[in-house]
Amino acid sequence: MPELPEVETAKRGIAPYVEGETIERVIVRQKQLRWEIPAELQNLQQAKVKGIARRAKYLILHTDKGDIIGHLGMSGSVRVVDGDVAPNKHDHVDFKLSSGKILRYNDVRRFGAWLWAQEAENLPLMQKLGLEPLTDEFSAEYLFKQSRQKTSAVKVFLMNNAIVVGVGNIYANETLFLCGLHPKMPAQDLTFKQCEKLVACIKNVLEKAIIQGGTTLKDFRQPDGKPGYFAQELLIYGKKGQPCPTCATLIESLVIGQRNSFFCPHCQKAKNASKTVKKAVKKTEKSL
């Protein structure tokens, strides 16, 4: 499922081809995605794209007629193609641009969405979103304050979009390993120092994933069709039964909040990070 780094990669990939162009018309081949594509968007014509933004896992195309909001769902992707390239089976939406290019949306599972609003921030689904993790506002002070009296597992806490957006399953697993924290540790037990480490690692992991073009495990592709290469950098996610890269203990997994969680039973204690993990964190941070 595309997470923050994958959506940021998509945004950066399409921006040079879309910003400043006019969407001459929208071609909808399948209007029933996660939600039905609204009529305002289906009938949109001659809308100039003033800029492209990302909020959490949503792509936002700001036009002079309103905002187009896209979500890639479980398997969606966007790419820019020449105007004469025929659509494939799962190419559900085309945004025909004045340059002759097409911004094309492909979604095998149809769990994605394309919405319309005069201002994206006024959509109800936008109003409950937490802080962006790569901003200065997302700090140890903020995370520590939010964690007080939270009995949920720290992994569930980090994936709560009302607290911080975009820390998806893959990146939560990687971050907790680097911080030496067991994924089931109650969030309220976090110390301020652990929050400092979590914030630093979240930012570093996400930034490195963006540089690598996101993580391709199955469906994700960058706008140019290439996979995301951060999968090659994964330390623990999806590696059950393999040796921990720090201590060689076999990696275990369990289900937390209906998501697979991977951890090293030796390195990831419930309360304190082991010395070996602390050394691994320092080494990793230097390379980021």
C-alpha atoms as a PDB file:
ATOM      1  CA  MET A   1       0.000   0.000   0.000  1.00  0.00           C
ATOM      2  CA  PRO A   2       1.485   3.387  -0.951  1.00  0.00           C
ATOM      3  CA  GLU A   3       2.520   5.274   2.203  1.00  0.00           C
ATOM      4  CA  LEU A   4       3.843   8.809   2.691  1.00  0.00           C
ATOM      5  CA  PRO A   5       7.195   8.258   0.907  1.00  0.00           C
ATOM      6  CA  GLU A   6       5.478   6.648  -2.076  1.00  0.00           C
ATOM      7  CA  VAL A   7       2.915   9.460  -2.363  1.00  0.00           C
ATOM      8  CA  GLU A   8       5.645  12.096  -1.970  1.00  0.00           C
ATOM      9  CA  THR A   9       7.606  10.310  -4.701  1.00  0.00           C
ATOM     10  CA  ALA A  10       4.529  10.372  -6.940  1.00  0.00           C
ATOM     11  CA  LYS A  11       3.972  14.067  -6.249  1.00  0.00           C
ATOM     12  CA  ARG A  12       7.545  14.980  -7.114  1.00  0.00           C
ATOM     13  CA  GLY A  13       7.485  12.774 -10.197  1.00  0.00           C
ATOM     14  CA  ILE A  14       4.385  14.279 -11.810  1.00  0.00           C
ATOM     15  CA  ALA A  15       4.873  17.911 -10.703  1.00  0.00           C
ATOM     16  CA  PRO A  16       7.168  18.988 -13.597  1.00  0.00           C
ATOM     17  CA  TYR A  17       4.638  17.702 -16.123  1.00  0.00           C
ATOM     18  CA  VAL A  18       1.446  18.934 -14.478  1.00  0.00           C
ATOM     19  CA  GLU A  19       2.106  22.222 -12.685  1.00  0.00           C
ATOM     20  CA  GLY A  20       1.192  25.193 -14.876  1.00  0.00           C
ATOM     21  CA  GLU A  21      -0.670  23.004 -17.364  1.00  0.00           C
ATOM     22  CA  THR A  22      -4.398  23.149 -18.036  1.00  0.00           C
ATOM     23  CA  ILE A  23      -6.540  20.072 -17.508  1.00  0.00           C
ATOM     24  CA  GLU A  24      -8.553  20.190 -20.708  1.00  0.00           C
ATOM     25  CA  ARG A  25     -10.877  17.409 -19.645  1.00  0.00           C
ATOM     26  CA  VAL A  26     -11.162  14.377 -17.379  1.00  0.00           C
ATOM     27  CA  ILE A  27     -11.814  10.954 -18.889  1.00  0.00           C
ATOM     28  CA  VAL A  28     -13.382   8.536 -16.399  1.00  0.00           C
ATOM     29  CA  ARG A  29     -13.585   4.882 -17.435  1.00  0.00           C
ATOM     30  CA  GLN A  30     -14.516   3.567 -14.002  1.00  0.00           C
ATOM     31  CA  LYS A  31     -16.246   6.031 -11.699  1.00  0.00           C
ATOM     32  CA  GLN A  32     -16.809   3.611  -8.822  1.00  0.00           C
ATOM     33  CA  LEU A  33     -13.562   3.486  -6.902  1.00  0.00           C
ATOM     34  CA  ARG A  34     -13.495   3.528  -3.101  1.00  0.00           C
ATOM     35  CA  TRP A  35     -16.102   6.247  -3.456  1.00  0.00           C
ATOM     36  CA  GLU A  36     -17.846   7.302  -6.637  1.00  0.00           C
ATOM     37  CA  ILE A  37     -15.965  10.034  -8.451  1.00  0.00           C
ATOM     38  CA  PRO A  38     -18.041  13.204  -7.971  1.00  0.00           C
ATOM     39  CA  ALA A  39     -19.776  14.780 -10.945  1.00  0.00           C
ATOM     40  CA  GLU A  40     -17.840  18.041 -10.497  1.00  0.00           C
ATOM     41  CA  LEU A  41     -14.620  16.187 -11.220  1.00  0.00           C
ATOM     42  CA  GLN A  42     -16.014  14.028 -14.023  1.00  0.00           C
ATOM     43  CA  ASN A  43     -17.215  17.165 -15.828  1.00  0.00           C
ATOM     44  CA  LEU A  44     -14.141  19.302 -15.110  1.00  0.00           C
ATOM     45  CA  GLN A  45     -12.752  21.172 -18.109  1.00  0.00           C
ATOM     46  CA  GLN A  46     -10.153  23.891 -18.738  1.00  0.00           C
ATOM     47  CA  ALA A  47      -8.824  24.004 -15.166  1.00  0.00           C
ATOM     48  CA  LYS A  48      -5.302  25.370 -14.767  1.00  0.00           C
ATOM     49  CA  VAL A  49      -3.104  23.539 -12.264  1.00  0.00           C
ATOM     50  CA  LYS A  50      -1.578  26.136  -9.940  1.00  0.00           C
ATOM     51  CA  GLY A  51       0.374  23.652  -7.845  1.00  0.00           C
ATOM     52  CA  ILE A  52       0.614  20.123  -6.469  1.00  0.00           C
ATOM     53  CA  ALA A  53       0.764  19.273  -2.784  1.00  0.00           C
ATOM     54  CA  ARG A  54       0.652  16.268  -0.486  1.00  0.00           C
ATOM     55  CA  ARG A  55      -1.278  15.995   2.790  1.00  0.00           C
ATOM     56  CA  ALA A  56      -0.729  12.697   4.589  1.00  0.00           C
ATOM     57  CA  LYS A  57      -1.258  10.089   1.840  1.00  0.00           C
ATOM     58  CA  TYR A  58      -3.396  12.373  -0.345  1.00  0.00           C
ATOM     59  CA  LEU A  59      -2.254  14.063  -3.557  1.00  0.00           C
ATOM     60  CA  ILE A  60      -3.771  17.511  -4.058  1.00  0.00           C
ATOM     61  CA  LEU A  61      -3.914  19.284  -7.394  1.00  0.00           C
ATOM     62  CA  HIS A  62      -4.744  22.948  -6.761  1.00  0.00           C
ATOM     63  CA  THR A  63      -6.511  24.406  -9.796  1.00  0.00           C
ATOM     64  CA  ASP A  64      -8.091  27.752 -10.508  1.00  0.00           C
ATOM     65  CA  LYS A  65     -11.505  26.063 -10.252  1.00  0.00           C
ATOM     66  CA  GLY A  66     -10.971  24.101  -7.042  1.00  0.00           C
ATOM     67  CA  ASP A  67      -8.953  21.222  -5.632  1.00  0.00           C
ATOM     68  CA  ILE A  68      -8.601  17.680  -6.962  1.00  0.00           C
ATOM     69  CA  ILE A  69      -7.774  15.194  -4.199  1.00  0.00           C
ATOM     70  CA  GLY A  70      -6.366  11.780  -5.011  1.00  0.00           C
ATOM     71  CA  HIS A  71      -5.665   8.756  -2.826  1.00  0.00           C
ATOM     72  CA  LEU A  72      -3.740   5.790  -4.243  1.00  0.00           C
ATOM     73  CA  GLY A  73      -5.458   3.216  -2.043  1.00  0.00           C
ATOM     74  CA  MET A  74      -3.923  -0.261  -1.882  1.00  0.00           C
ATOM     75  CA  SER A  75      -2.559  -0.581  -5.399  1.00  0.00           C
ATOM     76  CA  GLY A  76      -3.031   2.723  -7.199  1.00  0.00           C
ATOM     77  CA  SER A  77      -0.407   4.652  -9.142  1.00  0.00           C
ATOM     78  CA  VAL A  78      -0.172   7.763 -11.305  1.00  0.00           C
ATOM     79  CA  ARG A  79       2.061   8.309 -14.279  1.00  0.00           C
ATOM     80  CA  VAL A  80       2.424  10.786 -17.104  1.00  0.00           C
ATOM     81  CA  VAL A  81       2.124   9.339 -20.618  1.00  0.00           C
ATOM     82  CA  ASP A  82       1.968  10.674 -24.156  1.00  0.00           C
ATOM     83  CA  GLY A  83      -1.497  11.488 -25.404  1.00  0.00           C
ATOM     84  CA  ASP A  84      -1.536   8.657 -27.953  1.00  0.00           C
ATOM     85  CA  VAL A  85      -0.746   5.885 -25.436  1.00  0.00           C
ATOM     86  CA  ALA A  86      -3.762   3.569 -25.256  1.00  0.00           C
ATOM     87  CA  PRO A  87      -5.138   2.842 -21.784  1.00  0.00           C
ATOM     88  CA  ASN A  88      -4.703  -0.550 -20.160  1.00  0.00           C
ATOM     89  CA  LYS A  89      -7.401  -2.561 -18.405  1.00  0.00           C
ATOM     90  CA  HIS A  90      -7.015  -0.909 -14.997  1.00  0.00           C
ATOM     91  CA  ASP A  91      -6.356   2.665 -16.206  1.00  0.00           C
ATOM     92  CA  HIS A  92      -9.494   4.186 -14.725  1.00  0.00           C
ATOM     93  CA  VAL A  93      -8.962   7.972 -14.943  1.00  0.00           C
ATOM     94  CA  ASP A  94      -7.130  10.260 -17.381  1.00  0.00           C
ATOM     95  CA  PHE A  95      -6.448  13.950 -16.885  1.00  0.00           C
ATOM     96  CA  LYS A  96      -5.814  15.272 -20.385  1.00  0.00           C
ATOM     97  CA  LEU A  97      -3.290  18.121 -20.229  1.00  0.00           C
ATOM     98  CA  SER A  98      -2.815  21.090 -22.542  1.00  0.00           C
ATOM     99  CA  SER A  99       0.737  19.888 -23.277  1.00  0.00           C
ATOM    100  CA  GLY A 100      -0.676  16.825 -25.020  1.00  0.00           C
ATOM    101  CA  LYS A 101       0.382  14.594 -22.139  1.00  0.00           C
ATOM    102  CA  ILE A 102      -1.997  12.604 -19.933  1.00  0.00           C
ATOM    103  CA  LEU A 103      -1.863  12.162 -16.179  1.00  0.00           C
ATOM    104  CA  ARG A 104      -3.148   8.588 -15.886  1.00  0.00           C
ATOM    105  CA  TYR A 105      -4.441   6.768 -12.814  1.00  0.00           C
ATOM    106  CA  ASN A 106      -4.172   2.978 -12.615  1.00  0.00           C
ATOM    107  CA  ASP A 107      -5.722   0.940  -9.799  1.00  0.00           C
ATOM    108  CA  VAL A 108      -6.131  -2.832  -9.967  1.00  0.00           C
ATOM    109  CA  ARG A 109      -8.059  -3.159  -6.697  1.00  0.00           C
ATOM    110  CA  ARG A 110     -10.008   0.114  -7.004  1.00  0.00           C
ATOM    111  CA  PHE A 111      -9.494   1.048  -3.341  1.00  0.00           C
ATOM    112  CA  GLY A 112      -8.186   4.473  -4.278  1.00  0.00           C
ATOM    113  CA  ALA A 113     -10.202   7.662  -4.674  1.00  0.00           C
ATOM    114  CA  TRP A 114     -10.475  10.898  -6.633  1.00  0.00           C
ATOM    115  CA  LEU A 115     -12.444  13.642  -4.916  1.00  0.00           C
ATOM    116  CA  TRP A 116     -13.314  17.294  -5.495  1.00  0.00           C
ATOM    117  CA  ALA A 117     -13.562  20.292  -3.179  1.00  0.00           C
ATOM    118  CA  GLN A 118     -13.312  24.037  -3.508  1.00  0.00           C
ATOM    119  CA  GLU A 119     -10.639  23.817  -0.793  1.00  0.00           C
ATOM    120  CA  ALA A 120      -9.125  20.451   0.100  1.00  0.00           C
ATOM    121  CA  GLU A 121      -8.667  21.301   3.775  1.00  0.00           C
ATOM    122  CA  ASN A 122     -12.444  21.646   4.154  1.00  0.00           C
ATOM    123  CA  LEU A 123     -13.058  17.978   3.336  1.00  0.00           C
ATOM    124  CA  PRO A 124     -14.099  16.104   6.512  1.00  0.00           C
ATOM    125  CA  LEU A 125     -11.437  13.428   5.918  1.00  0.00           C
ATOM    126  CA  MET A 126      -8.747  16.141   6.012  1.00  0.00           C
ATOM    127  CA  GLN A 127      -9.879  17.842   9.185  1.00  0.00           C
ATOM    128  CA  LYS A 128      -8.961  15.008  11.559  1.00  0.00           C
ATOM    129  CA  LEU A 129      -5.423  14.495  10.314  1.00  0.00           C
ATOM    130  CA  GLY A 130      -2.499  14.921  12.687  1.00  0.00           C
ATOM    131  CA  LEU A 131       0.866  16.567  12.113  1.00  0.00           C
ATOM    132  CA  GLU A 132       3.098  15.944   9.119  1.00  0.00           C
ATOM    133  CA  PRO A 133       6.126  13.977  10.375  1.00  0.00           C
ATOM    134  CA  LEU A 134       8.707  15.910   8.363  1.00  0.00           C
ATOM    135  CA  THR A 135       7.783  19.291   9.853  1.00  0.00           C
ATOM    136  CA  ASP A 136       9.325  21.091  12.826  1.00  0.00           C
ATOM    137  CA  GLU A 137       5.979  20.912  14.622  1.00  0.00           C
ATOM    138  CA  PHE A 138       6.398  17.142  14.916  1.00  0.00           C
ATOM    139  CA  SER A 139       8.782  17.145  17.860  1.00  0.00           C
ATOM    140  CA  ALA A 140       9.696  15.104  20.919  1.00  0.00           C
ATOM    141  CA  GLU A 141       7.680  17.527  23.052  1.00  0.00           C
ATOM    142  CA  TYR A 142       4.597  16.956  20.903  1.00  0.00           C
ATOM    143  CA  LEU A 143       4.949  13.168  20.773  1.00  0.00           C
ATOM    144  CA  PHE A 144       5.593  12.868  24.500  1.00  0.00           C
ATOM    145  CA  LYS A 145       2.542  14.983  25.312  1.00  0.00           C
ATOM    146  CA  GLN A 146       0.342  12.965  22.945  1.00  0.00           C
ATOM    147  CA  SER A 147       1.510   9.670  24.438  1.00  0.00           C
ATOM    148  CA  ARG A 148       0.435  10.458  27.997  1.00  0.00           C
ATOM    149  CA  GLN A 149      -2.370   8.178  29.216  1.00  0.00           C
ATOM    150  CA  LYS A 150      -2.350   6.295  25.898  1.00  0.00           C
ATOM    151  CA  THR A 151      -2.584   2.593  26.738  1.00  0.00           C
ATOM    152  CA  SER A 152      -2.449   1.462  23.106  1.00  0.00           C
ATOM    153  CA  ALA A 153       0.635  -0.311  21.779  1.00  0.00           C
ATOM    154  CA  VAL A 154       3.325   2.115  20.667  1.00  0.00           C
ATOM    155  CA  LYS A 155       3.123   0.755  17.103  1.00  0.00           C
ATOM    156  CA  VAL A 156      -0.622   1.467  16.945  1.00  0.00           C
ATOM    157  CA  PHE A 157       0.047   4.886  18.497  1.00  0.00           C
ATOM    158  CA  LEU A 158       2.586   5.804  15.801  1.00  0.00           C
ATOM    159  CA  MET A 159       0.227   4.680  13.042  1.00  0.00           C
ATOM    160  CA  ASN A 160      -2.656   6.789  14.362  1.00  0.00           C
ATOM    161  CA  ASN A 161      -3.239   9.437  11.682  1.00  0.00           C
ATOM    162  CA  ALA A 162      -4.906  11.718  14.204  1.00  0.00           C
ATOM    163  CA  ILE A 163      -1.506  12.026  15.933  1.00  0.00           C
ATOM    164  CA  VAL A 164       0.983  11.914  13.069  1.00  0.00           C
ATOM    165  CA  VAL A 165       0.273  11.092   9.434  1.00  0.00           C
ATOM    166  CA  GLY A 166       2.113   8.812   7.089  1.00  0.00           C
ATOM    167  CA  VAL A 167       3.948   6.500   9.485  1.00  0.00           C
ATOM    168  CA  GLY A 168       2.611   3.369   7.828  1.00  0.00           C
ATOM    169  CA  ASN A 169       3.210  -0.239   8.801  1.00  0.00           C
ATOM    170  CA  ILE A 170       6.545  -0.671   7.058  1.00  0.00           C
ATOM    171  CA  TYR A 171       8.046   2.506   8.463  1.00  0.00           C
ATOM    172  CA  ALA A 172       6.659   1.963  11.970  1.00  0.00           C
ATOM    173  CA  ASN A 173       8.331  -1.461  12.076  1.00  0.00           C
ATOM    174  CA  GLU A 174      11.657  -0.068  10.919  1.00  0.00           C
ATOM    175  CA  THR A 175      11.545   2.873  13.313  1.00  0.00           C
ATOM    176  CA  LEU A 176      10.741   0.780  16.374  1.00  0.00           C
ATOM    177  CA  PHE A 177      13.602  -1.571  15.574  1.00  0.00           C
ATOM    178  CA  LEU A 178      16.057   1.305  15.267  1.00  0.00           C
ATOM    179  CA  CYS A 179      14.821   2.670  18.599  1.00  0.00           C
ATOM    180  CA  GLY A 180      14.994  -0.685  20.340  1.00  0.00           C
ATOM    181  CA  LEU A 181      11.326  -0.597  21.362  1.00  0.00           C
ATOM    182  CA  HIS A 182       8.984  -3.565  21.461  1.00  0.00           C
ATOM    183  CA  PRO A 183       5.948  -2.833  19.242  1.00  0.00           C
ATOM    184  CA  LYS A 184       3.513  -3.824  22.032  1.00  0.00           C
ATOM    185  CA  MET A 185       4.987  -1.435  24.585  1.00  0.00           C
ATOM    186  CA  PRO A 186       2.224   0.876  25.913  1.00  0.00           C
ATOM    187  CA  ALA A 187       2.613   4.342  24.436  1.00  0.00           C
ATOM    188  CA  GLN A 188       2.148   5.938  27.850  1.00  0.00           C
ATOM    189  CA  ASP A 189       5.366   4.244  29.039  1.00  0.00           C
ATOM    190  CA  LEU A 190       7.503   6.191  26.569  1.00  0.00           C
ATOM    191  CA  THR A 191      10.100   8.420  28.170  1.00  0.00           C
ATOM    192  CA  PHE A 192      10.937  11.844  26.792  1.00  0.00           C
ATOM    193  CA  LYS A 193      14.321  10.544  25.648  1.00  0.00           C
ATOM    194  CA  GLN A 194      12.628   7.694  23.768  1.00  0.00           C
ATOM    195  CA  CYS A 195      10.310  10.224  22.113  1.00  0.00           C
ATOM    196  CA  GLU A 196      13.356  12.198  21.003  1.00  0.00           C
ATOM    197  CA  LYS A 197      14.793   9.056  19.422  1.00  0.00           C
ATOM    198  CA  LEU A 198      11.460   8.115  17.819  1.00  0.00           C
ATOM    199  CA  VAL A 199      10.987  11.537  16.221  1.00  0.00           C
ATOM    200  CA  ALA A 200      14.546  11.553  14.865  1.00  0.00           C
ATOM    201  CA  CYS A 201      14.248   8.013  13.485  1.00  0.00           C
ATOM    202  CA  ILE A 202      10.814   8.597  11.934  1.00  0.00           C
ATOM    203  CA  LYS A 203      12.124  11.634  10.085  1.00  0.00           C
ATOM    204  CA  ASN A 204      15.304   9.844   8.983  1.00  0.00           C
ATOM    205  CA  VAL A 205      13.559   6.673   7.822  1.00  0.00           C
ATOM    206  CA  LEU A 206      10.914   8.577   5.848  1.00  0.00           C
ATOM    207  CA  GLU A 207      13.448  10.942   4.280  1.00  0.00           C
ATOM    208  CA  LYS A 208      15.673   8.056   3.231  1.00  0.00           C
ATOM    209  CA  ALA A 209      12.664   6.210   1.779  1.00  0.00           C
ATOM    210  CA  ILE A 210      11.724   9.297  -0.249  1.00  0.00           C
ATOM    211  CA  ILE A 211      15.274   9.538  -1.620  1.00  0.00           C
ATOM    212  CA  GLN A 212      15.070   5.855  -2.616  1.00  0.00           C
ATOM    213  CA  GLY A 213      11.735   6.449  -4.363  1.00  0.00           C
ATOM    214  CA  GLY A 214       9.590   4.648  -1.791  1.00  0.00           C
ATOM    215  CA  THR A 215       9.228   0.940  -1.071  1.00  0.00           C
ATOM    216  CA  THR A 216       8.066  -1.568  -3.670  1.00  0.00           C
ATOM    217  CA  LEU A 217       6.841  -4.816  -2.140  1.00  0.00           C
ATOM    218  CA  LYS A 218       4.269  -5.738  -4.773  1.00  0.00           C
ATOM    219  CA  ASP A 219       2.231  -3.066  -6.550  1.00  0.00           C
ATOM    220  CA  PHE A 220       3.901   0.324  -6.123  1.00  0.00           C
ATOM    221  CA  ARG A 221       5.675   1.967  -9.044  1.00  0.00           C
ATOM    222  CA  GLN A 222       7.086   5.451  -9.372  1.00  0.00           C
ATOM    223  CA  PRO A 223       5.540   7.751 -12.016  1.00  0.00           C
ATOM    224  CA  ASP A 224       8.294   6.706 -14.446  1.00  0.00           C
ATOM    225  CA  GLY A 225       7.358   3.055 -13.970  1.00  0.00           C
ATOM    226  CA  LYS A 226      10.415   2.161 -11.863  1.00  0.00           C
ATOM    227  CA  PRO A 227      10.055   0.433  -8.493  1.00  0.00           C
ATOM    228  CA  GLY A 228      10.896   2.097  -5.193  1.00  0.00           C
ATOM    229  CA  TYR A 229      14.256   0.907  -3.915  1.00  0.00           C
ATOM    230  CA  PHE A 230      13.857   1.356  -0.152  1.00  0.00           C
ATOM    231  CA  ALA A 231      12.842  -2.326   0.089  1.00  0.00           C
ATOM    232  CA  GLN A 232      16.549  -3.097  -0.272  1.00  0.00           C
ATOM    233  CA  GLU A 233      17.218  -1.008   2.848  1.00  0.00           C
ATOM    234  CA  LEU A 234      14.652  -2.704   5.088  1.00  0.00           C
ATOM    235  CA  LEU A 235      16.190  -4.066   8.264  1.00  0.00           C
ATOM    236  CA  ILE A 236      13.329  -6.049   9.764  1.00  0.00           C
ATOM    237  CA  TYR A 237      10.018  -5.670   7.934  1.00  0.00           C
ATOM    238  CA  GLY A 238       8.877  -8.913   6.286  1.00  0.00           C
ATOM    239  CA  LYS A 239      11.889 -10.853   7.593  1.00  0.00           C
ATOM    240  CA  LYS A 240      10.339 -13.280  10.045  1.00  0.00           C
ATOM    241  CA  GLY A 241      12.660 -16.222  10.711  1.00  0.00           C
ATOM    242  CA  GLN A 242      15.706 -14.393   9.356  1.00  0.00           C
ATOM    243  CA  PRO A 243      18.586 -13.339  11.640  1.00  0.00           C
ATOM    244  CA  CYS A 244      18.448  -9.895  13.198  1.00  0.00           C
ATOM    245  CA  PRO A 245      20.990  -7.642  11.422  1.00  0.00           C
ATOM    246  CA  THR A 246      22.299  -6.551  14.831  1.00  0.00           C
ATOM    247  CA  CYS A 247      22.450  -9.661  17.027  1.00  0.00           C
ATOM    248  CA  ALA A 248      21.530 -12.589  14.721  1.00  0.00           C
ATOM    249  CA  THR A 249      18.548 -13.614  16.883  1.00  0.00           C
ATOM    250  CA  LEU A 250      15.729 -14.844  14.646  1.00  0.00           C
ATOM    251  CA  ILE A 251      13.175 -12.151  13.869  1.00  0.00           C
ATOM    252  CA  GLU A 252       9.663 -12.835  15.120  1.00  0.00           C
ATOM    253  CA  SER A 253       6.269 -11.466  14.122  1.00  0.00           C
ATOM    254  CA  LEU A 254       2.880 -10.926  15.695  1.00  0.00           C
ATOM    255  CA  VAL A 255      -0.330  -9.169  14.746  1.00  0.00           C
ATOM    256  CA  ILE A 256      -0.941  -5.785  16.375  1.00  0.00           C
ATOM    257  CA  GLY A 257      -3.928  -3.712  15.360  1.00  0.00           C
ATOM    258  CA  GLN A 258      -4.644  -6.159  12.525  1.00  0.00           C
ATOM    259  CA  ARG A 259      -1.224  -5.521  10.981  1.00  0.00           C
ATOM    260  CA  ASN A 260       1.850  -7.753  10.897  1.00  0.00           C
ATOM    261  CA  SER A 261       4.584  -6.553  13.228  1.00  0.00           C
ATOM    262  CA  PHE A 262       8.185  -7.695  13.009  1.00  0.00           C
ATOM    263  CA  PHE A 263      10.667  -7.406  15.869  1.00  0.00           C
ATOM    264  CA  CYS A 264      13.819  -8.854  17.375  1.00  0.00           C
ATOM    265  CA  PRO A 265      13.004 -10.414  20.775  1.00  0.00           C
ATOM    266  CA  HIS A 266      16.547  -9.742  21.970  1.00  0.00           C
ATOM    267  CA  CYS A 267      17.078  -6.171  20.784  1.00  0.00           C
ATOM    268  CA  GLN A 268      13.574  -4.807  21.241  1.00  0.00           C
ATOM    269  CA  LYS A 269      12.874  -4.919  24.931  1.00  0.00           C
ATOM    270  CA  ALA A 270       9.617  -3.455  26.191  1.00  0.00           C
ATOM    271  CA  LYS A 271      11.296  -0.599  28.046  1.00  0.00           C
ATOM    272  CA  ASN A 272      14.989  -0.219  27.275  1.00  0.00           C
ATOM    273  CA  ALA A 273      16.957  -0.525  24.079  1.00  0.00           C
ATOM    274  CA  SER A 274      19.905  -2.867  24.255  1.00  0.00           C
ATOM    275  CA  LYS A 275      23.431  -1.508  23.854  1.00  0.00           C
ATOM    276  CA  THR A 276      23.796  -3.306  20.533  1.00  0.00           C
ATOM    277  CA  VAL A 277      20.727  -1.598  19.097  1.00  0.00           C
ATOM    278  CA  LYS A 278      21.909   1.786  20.369  1.00  0.00           C
ATOM    279  CA  LYS A 279      25.153   1.255  18.459  1.00  0.00           C
ATOM    280  CA  ALA A 280      23.181   0.217  15.362  1.00  0.00           C
ATOM    281  CA  VAL A 281      21.022   3.341  15.654  1.00  0.00           C
ATOM    282  CA  LYS A 282      24.077   5.617  15.796  1.00  0.00           C
ATOM    283  CA  LYS A 283      25.594   3.858  12.786  1.00  0.00           C
ATOM    284  CA  THR A 284      22.343   4.104  10.830  1.00  0.00           C
ATOM    285  CA  GLU A 285      21.810   7.776  11.684  1.00  0.00           C
ATOM    286  CA  LYS A 286      25.279   8.628  10.367  1.00  0.00           C
ATOM    287  CA  SER A 287      24.413   7.035   7.031  1.00  0.00           C
ATOM    288  CA  LEU A 288      21.068   8.831   6.694  1.00  0.00           C
END
